[in-house]
Amino acid sequence: MGQGVHMQELPGIGKRYDIDLGSATQRISVVVRHGDIRDLYVFTTKGDEPTAVLELSREQALKLGAVLTGTFFEG
């Protein structure tokens, strides 16, 4: 995958994308499950337990992605 993004197949579940944020204590993982559900895991410590977990529908994930990439415009 792209530099700093690592993909892993999760048999029977979907795919997990680990995003390297360039920090030893901060990282994000996204699990794209079958059925277009995304789970966003935010880690702010070196441990394996996430600080926050959000379940997003495809539509919610698209909105978040648009805001993060600067393509969301309020009319």
C-alpha atoms as a PDB file:
ATOM      1  CA  MET A   1       0.000   0.000   0.000  1.00  0.00           C
ATOM      2  CA  GLY A   2       1.105   3.634   0.185  1.00  0.00           C
ATOM      3  CA  GLN A   3       3.987   4.720   2.327  1.00  0.00           C
ATOM      4  CA  GLY A   4       2.989   4.768   5.991  1.00  0.00           C
ATOM      5  CA  VAL A   5      -0.210   2.748   5.457  1.00  0.00           C
ATOM      6  CA  HIS A   6      -0.160  -0.986   6.074  1.00  0.00           C
ATOM      7  CA  MET A   7      -3.032  -3.283   5.097  1.00  0.00           C
ATOM      8  CA  GLN A   8      -3.835  -6.648   6.639  1.00  0.00           C
ATOM      9  CA  GLU A   9      -6.557  -9.091   5.584  1.00  0.00           C
ATOM     10  CA  LEU A  10      -8.860 -10.104   8.437  1.00  0.00           C
ATOM     11  CA  PRO A  11     -10.415 -13.393   7.292  1.00  0.00           C
ATOM     12  CA  GLY A  12     -14.175 -13.370   7.669  1.00  0.00           C
ATOM     13  CA  ILE A  13     -14.172  -9.722   8.789  1.00  0.00           C
ATOM     14  CA  GLY A  14     -12.604  -7.494   6.117  1.00  0.00           C
ATOM     15  CA  LYS A  15      -9.374  -5.480   6.008  1.00  0.00           C
ATOM     16  CA  ARG A  16      -7.418  -3.474   8.569  1.00  0.00           C
ATOM     17  CA  TYR A  17      -5.425  -0.395   7.633  1.00  0.00           C
ATOM     18  CA  ASP A  18      -2.796   0.824  10.094  1.00  0.00           C
ATOM     19  CA  ILE A  19      -1.781   4.426   9.521  1.00  0.00           C
ATOM     20  CA  ASP A  20       1.650   5.556  10.707  1.00  0.00           C
ATOM     21  CA  LEU A  21       1.388   9.089  12.093  1.00  0.00           C
ATOM     22  CA  GLY A  22       5.136   9.444  12.651  1.00  0.00           C
ATOM     23  CA  SER A  23       4.811   9.244  16.423  1.00  0.00           C
ATOM     24  CA  ALA A  24       5.681   6.389  18.752  1.00  0.00           C
ATOM     25  CA  THR A  25       2.565   7.071  20.823  1.00  0.00           C
ATOM     26  CA  GLN A  26      -0.038   8.045  18.201  1.00  0.00           C
ATOM     27  CA  ARG A  27      -1.557   5.812  15.549  1.00  0.00           C
ATOM     28  CA  ILE A  28      -4.851   5.103  13.843  1.00  0.00           C
ATOM     29  CA  SER A  29      -6.278   1.840  12.591  1.00  0.00           C
ATOM     30  CA  VAL A  30      -9.321   1.499  10.361  1.00  0.00           C
ATOM     31  CA  VAL A  31     -11.131  -1.810   9.967  1.00  0.00           C
ATOM     32  CA  VAL A  32     -13.321  -1.963   6.864  1.00  0.00           C
ATOM     33  CA  ARG A  33     -15.786  -4.741   7.560  1.00  0.00           C
ATOM     34  CA  HIS A  34     -17.896  -6.613   5.041  1.00  0.00           C
ATOM     35  CA  GLY A  35     -21.144  -4.683   4.715  1.00  0.00           C
ATOM     36  CA  ASP A  36     -19.475  -1.244   4.408  1.00  0.00           C
ATOM     37  CA  ILE A  37     -19.040  -0.623   8.149  1.00  0.00           C
ATOM     38  CA  ARG A  38     -15.808   1.041   9.252  1.00  0.00           C
ATOM     39  CA  ASP A  39     -14.327   0.941  12.727  1.00  0.00           C
ATOM     40  CA  LEU A  40     -11.911   3.762  13.530  1.00  0.00           C
ATOM     41  CA  TYR A  41      -9.438   3.011  16.344  1.00  0.00           C
ATOM     42  CA  VAL A  42      -7.388   5.843  17.847  1.00  0.00           C
ATOM     43  CA  PHE A  43      -4.312   5.000  19.908  1.00  0.00           C
ATOM     44  CA  THR A  44      -2.536   7.688  21.954  1.00  0.00           C
ATOM     45  CA  THR A  45      -0.241   5.459  23.989  1.00  0.00           C
ATOM     46  CA  LYS A  46       2.160   2.651  23.114  1.00  0.00           C
ATOM     47  CA  GLY A  47      -0.280   0.042  24.437  1.00  0.00           C
ATOM     48  CA  ASP A  48      -2.611  -2.173  22.458  1.00  0.00           C
ATOM     49  CA  GLU A  49      -5.805  -0.681  23.904  1.00  0.00           C
ATOM     50  CA  PRO A  50      -7.388   2.119  21.841  1.00  0.00           C
ATOM     51  CA  THR A  51      -8.211   5.446  23.434  1.00  0.00           C
ATOM     52  CA  ALA A  52     -11.330   5.752  21.268  1.00  0.00           C
ATOM     53  CA  VAL A  53     -13.321   3.545  18.906  1.00  0.00           C
ATOM     54  CA  LEU A  54     -15.933   4.815  16.453  1.00  0.00           C
ATOM     55  CA  GLU A  55     -18.197   2.741  14.232  1.00  0.00           C
ATOM     56  CA  LEU A  56     -18.938   4.584  10.989  1.00  0.00           C
ATOM     57  CA  SER A  57     -21.270   3.802   8.124  1.00  0.00           C
ATOM     58  CA  ARG A  58     -19.961   4.261   4.586  1.00  0.00           C
ATOM     59  CA  GLU A  59     -21.721   7.637   4.373  1.00  0.00           C
ATOM     60  CA  GLN A  60     -20.275   8.822   7.687  1.00  0.00           C
ATOM     61  CA  ALA A  61     -16.791   7.705   6.625  1.00  0.00           C
ATOM     62  CA  LEU A  62     -17.148   9.632   3.350  1.00  0.00           C
ATOM     63  CA  LYS A  63     -18.137  12.799   5.255  1.00  0.00           C
ATOM     64  CA  LEU A  64     -15.183  12.425   7.620  1.00  0.00           C
ATOM     65  CA  GLY A  65     -12.825  11.807   4.702  1.00  0.00           C
ATOM     66  CA  ALA A  66     -14.119  14.897   2.891  1.00  0.00           C
ATOM     67  CA  VAL A  67     -13.490  17.076   5.938  1.00  0.00           C
ATOM     68  CA  LEU A  68     -10.015  15.618   6.510  1.00  0.00           C
ATOM     69  CA  THR A  69      -8.975  16.150   2.889  1.00  0.00           C
ATOM     70  CA  GLY A  70     -10.424  19.653   2.722  1.00  0.00           C
ATOM     71  CA  THR A  71     -12.976  18.816   0.022  1.00  0.00           C
ATOM     72  CA  PHE A  72     -16.046  19.420   2.191  1.00  0.00           C
ATOM     73  CA  PHE A  73     -17.801  22.683   1.446  1.00  0.00           C
ATOM     74  CA  GLU A  74     -20.675  24.043   3.477  1.00  0.00           C
ATOM     75  CA  GLY A  75     -23.333  25.615   1.319  1.00  0.00           C
END
